[in-house]
N, C-alpha and C. Protein backbone atom coordinates (compact mmCIF):
# COMPACT_ATOMS: atom_id res chain seq x y z
N CYS A 1 4.42 0.30 -22.50
CA CYS A 1 3.23 0.41 -21.67
C CYS A 1 3.60 1.14 -20.37
N LYS A 2 2.88 2.16 -20.03
CA LYS A 2 3.18 2.96 -18.84
C LYS A 2 3.03 2.15 -17.56
N ARG A 3 2.05 1.24 -17.53
CA ARG A 3 1.82 0.45 -16.33
C ARG A 3 3.04 -0.42 -16.01
N ALA A 4 3.64 -1.00 -17.03
CA ALA A 4 4.83 -1.82 -16.84
C ALA A 4 6.00 -0.98 -16.34
N ASP A 5 6.12 0.25 -16.84
CA ASP A 5 7.19 1.14 -16.39
C ASP A 5 7.02 1.47 -14.91
N VAL A 6 5.81 1.72 -14.49
CA VAL A 6 5.53 2.02 -13.08
C VAL A 6 5.88 0.82 -12.21
N LEU A 7 5.52 -0.37 -12.67
CA LEU A 7 5.83 -1.59 -11.93
C LEU A 7 7.33 -1.78 -11.82
N ASP A 8 8.06 -1.54 -12.91
CA ASP A 8 9.53 -1.66 -12.89
C ASP A 8 10.12 -0.71 -11.85
N VAL A 9 9.65 0.51 -11.81
CA VAL A 9 10.16 1.49 -10.85
C VAL A 9 9.84 1.05 -9.43
N ALA A 10 8.62 0.55 -9.19
CA ALA A 10 8.24 0.10 -7.84
C ALA A 10 9.12 -1.06 -7.38
N VAL A 11 9.37 -2.01 -8.26
CA VAL A 11 10.22 -3.15 -7.91
C VAL A 11 11.63 -2.66 -7.57
N PHE A 12 12.15 -1.77 -8.37
CA PHE A 12 13.48 -1.21 -8.13
C PHE A 12 13.52 -0.48 -6.78
N GLU A 13 12.48 0.30 -6.48
CA GLU A 13 12.44 1.03 -5.21
C GLU A 13 12.35 0.08 -4.02
N ILE A 14 11.60 -1.01 -4.17
CA ILE A 14 11.50 -2.00 -3.09
C ILE A 14 12.86 -2.64 -2.83
N ILE A 15 13.56 -2.99 -3.90
CA ILE A 15 14.88 -3.60 -3.74
C ILE A 15 15.85 -2.62 -3.08
N LEU A 16 15.82 -1.37 -3.50
CA LEU A 16 16.69 -0.36 -2.88
C LEU A 16 16.34 -0.19 -1.40
N ALA A 17 15.05 -0.16 -1.09
CA ALA A 17 14.62 -0.02 0.30
C ALA A 17 15.09 -1.21 1.13
N TYR A 18 15.03 -2.42 0.54
CA TYR A 18 15.50 -3.61 1.25
C TYR A 18 17.00 -3.50 1.55
N LEU A 19 17.76 -3.03 0.57
CA LEU A 19 19.20 -2.89 0.76
C LEU A 19 19.52 -1.90 1.88
N GLU A 20 18.68 -0.88 2.04
CA GLU A 20 18.89 0.10 3.11
C GLU A 20 18.44 -0.43 4.46
N LYS A 21 17.28 -1.09 4.49
CA LYS A 21 16.66 -1.48 5.75
C LYS A 21 16.99 -2.90 6.18
N ARG A 22 17.34 -3.76 5.22
CA ARG A 22 17.59 -5.19 5.48
C ARG A 22 16.36 -5.87 6.09
N ASP A 23 15.19 -5.41 5.69
CA ASP A 23 13.94 -5.99 6.18
C ASP A 23 12.92 -5.89 5.05
N TRP A 24 12.48 -7.05 4.54
CA TRP A 24 11.57 -7.05 3.40
C TRP A 24 10.24 -6.39 3.73
N LYS A 25 9.72 -6.67 4.92
CA LYS A 25 8.42 -6.10 5.31
C LYS A 25 8.49 -4.57 5.31
N GLU A 26 9.52 -4.03 5.95
CA GLU A 26 9.68 -2.58 5.97
C GLU A 26 9.88 -2.03 4.57
N ALA A 27 10.64 -2.75 3.75
CA ALA A 27 10.90 -2.29 2.39
C ALA A 27 9.60 -2.20 1.58
N PHE A 28 8.80 -3.27 1.61
CA PHE A 28 7.54 -3.27 0.86
C PHE A 28 6.63 -2.14 1.30
N PHE A 29 6.44 -2.02 2.61
CA PHE A 29 5.45 -1.07 3.08
C PHE A 29 5.95 0.36 3.12
N SER A 30 7.24 0.56 2.95
CA SER A 30 7.74 1.93 2.80
C SER A 30 7.58 2.42 1.36
N VAL A 31 7.46 1.48 0.41
CA VAL A 31 7.35 1.85 -1.00
C VAL A 31 5.89 1.81 -1.49
N LEU A 32 5.16 0.78 -1.08
CA LEU A 32 3.77 0.65 -1.56
C LEU A 32 2.90 1.75 -1.00
N PRO A 33 2.10 2.39 -1.85
CA PRO A 33 1.20 3.43 -1.36
C PRO A 33 0.15 2.85 -0.42
N GLN A 34 -0.12 3.53 0.68
CA GLN A 34 -1.13 3.05 1.63
C GLN A 34 -2.51 2.95 1.00
N ARG A 35 -2.78 3.77 0.01
CA ARG A 35 -4.10 3.74 -0.63
C ARG A 35 -4.37 2.43 -1.35
N LYS A 36 -3.32 1.66 -1.62
CA LYS A 36 -3.50 0.37 -2.28
C LYS A 36 -4.01 -0.69 -1.31
N GLY A 37 -3.97 -0.40 -0.02
CA GLY A 37 -4.52 -1.31 0.97
C GLY A 37 -3.66 -2.51 1.28
N ALA A 38 -2.38 -2.45 1.00
CA ALA A 38 -1.49 -3.58 1.29
C ALA A 38 -1.27 -3.68 2.79
N VAL A 39 -1.42 -4.89 3.31
CA VAL A 39 -1.17 -5.16 4.72
C VAL A 39 -0.39 -6.46 4.83
N PRO A 40 0.43 -6.60 5.87
CA PRO A 40 1.16 -7.86 6.06
C PRO A 40 0.20 -9.01 6.30
N LEU A 41 0.58 -10.20 5.87
CA LEU A 41 -0.24 -11.38 6.12
C LEU A 41 -0.44 -11.56 7.61
N GLY A 42 -1.65 -11.92 7.99
CA GLY A 42 -1.97 -12.10 9.39
C GLY A 42 -2.47 -10.84 10.06
N GLU A 43 -2.22 -9.70 9.45
CA GLU A 43 -2.70 -8.43 10.00
C GLU A 43 -3.85 -7.88 9.17
N GLY A 44 -4.21 -8.55 8.12
CA GLY A 44 -5.20 -8.06 7.18
C GLY A 44 -6.60 -7.98 7.73
N ASP A 45 -7.01 -8.93 8.57
CA ASP A 45 -8.39 -8.95 9.05
C ASP A 45 -8.71 -7.69 9.85
N GLU A 46 -7.89 -7.38 10.83
CA GLU A 46 -8.14 -6.23 11.67
C GLU A 46 -7.99 -4.92 10.89
N LEU A 47 -6.92 -4.81 10.10
CA LEU A 47 -6.66 -3.58 9.37
C LEU A 47 -7.65 -3.38 8.23
N SER A 48 -8.05 -4.46 7.56
CA SER A 48 -8.96 -4.30 6.43
C SER A 48 -10.33 -3.84 6.90
N LYS A 49 -10.76 -4.28 8.07
CA LYS A 49 -12.04 -3.80 8.62
C LYS A 49 -11.97 -2.30 8.86
N HIS A 50 -10.84 -1.86 9.42
CA HIS A 50 -10.66 -0.43 9.68
C HIS A 50 -10.56 0.34 8.36
N ALA A 51 -9.84 -0.21 7.40
CA ALA A 51 -9.68 0.45 6.11
C ALA A 51 -11.02 0.55 5.39
N LEU A 52 -11.83 -0.50 5.47
CA LEU A 52 -13.13 -0.48 4.81
C LEU A 52 -14.02 0.58 5.44
N SER A 53 -13.99 0.71 6.75
CA SER A 53 -14.83 1.72 7.39
C SER A 53 -14.35 3.12 6.99
N GLY A 54 -13.04 3.30 6.84
CA GLY A 54 -12.51 4.58 6.38
C GLY A 54 -12.90 4.86 4.95
N LYS A 55 -12.92 3.82 4.11
CA LYS A 55 -13.30 3.96 2.71
C LYS A 55 -14.75 4.38 2.60
N GLU A 56 -15.61 3.79 3.41
CA GLU A 56 -17.02 4.15 3.39
C GLU A 56 -17.20 5.61 3.75
N ASP A 57 -16.43 6.09 4.75
CA ASP A 57 -16.51 7.48 5.15
C ASP A 57 -16.12 8.40 4.00
N GLU A 58 -15.06 8.03 3.26
CA GLU A 58 -14.61 8.84 2.13
C GLU A 58 -15.70 8.89 1.05
N ASP A 59 -16.34 7.73 0.78
CA ASP A 59 -17.39 7.68 -0.21
C ASP A 59 -18.56 8.57 0.18
N ASN A 60 -18.93 8.55 1.45
CA ASN A 60 -20.04 9.36 1.91
C ASN A 60 -19.71 10.83 1.81
N ASP A 61 -18.46 11.19 2.12
CA ASP A 61 -18.05 12.59 2.00
C ASP A 61 -18.14 13.08 0.57
N SER A 62 -17.72 12.25 -0.39
CA SER A 62 -17.71 12.68 -1.78
C SER A 62 -19.14 12.78 -2.34
N GLU A 63 -20.06 11.97 -1.82
CA GLU A 63 -21.44 12.02 -2.29
C GLU A 63 -22.15 13.27 -1.79
N SER A 64 -21.75 13.76 -0.60
CA SER A 64 -22.44 14.90 -0.02
C SER A 64 -22.01 16.21 -0.66
N ASN A 65 -20.90 16.22 -1.42
CA ASN A 65 -20.41 17.45 -2.06
C ASN A 65 -21.12 17.75 -3.31
């Protein structure tokens, strides 16, 4: 399954990033794509509101084309 292969690669990249940075938070967020909307716990409320407003703008742009 291709999805499982992608997940395996992501996990491997996160572990490698942790070994380089020695910081799990930095490791996760350096590997996870920003488009997935991942945010650290406790920072989600403020960032998700901003992300949602940005998402709405993208949707409106695509509808006008």
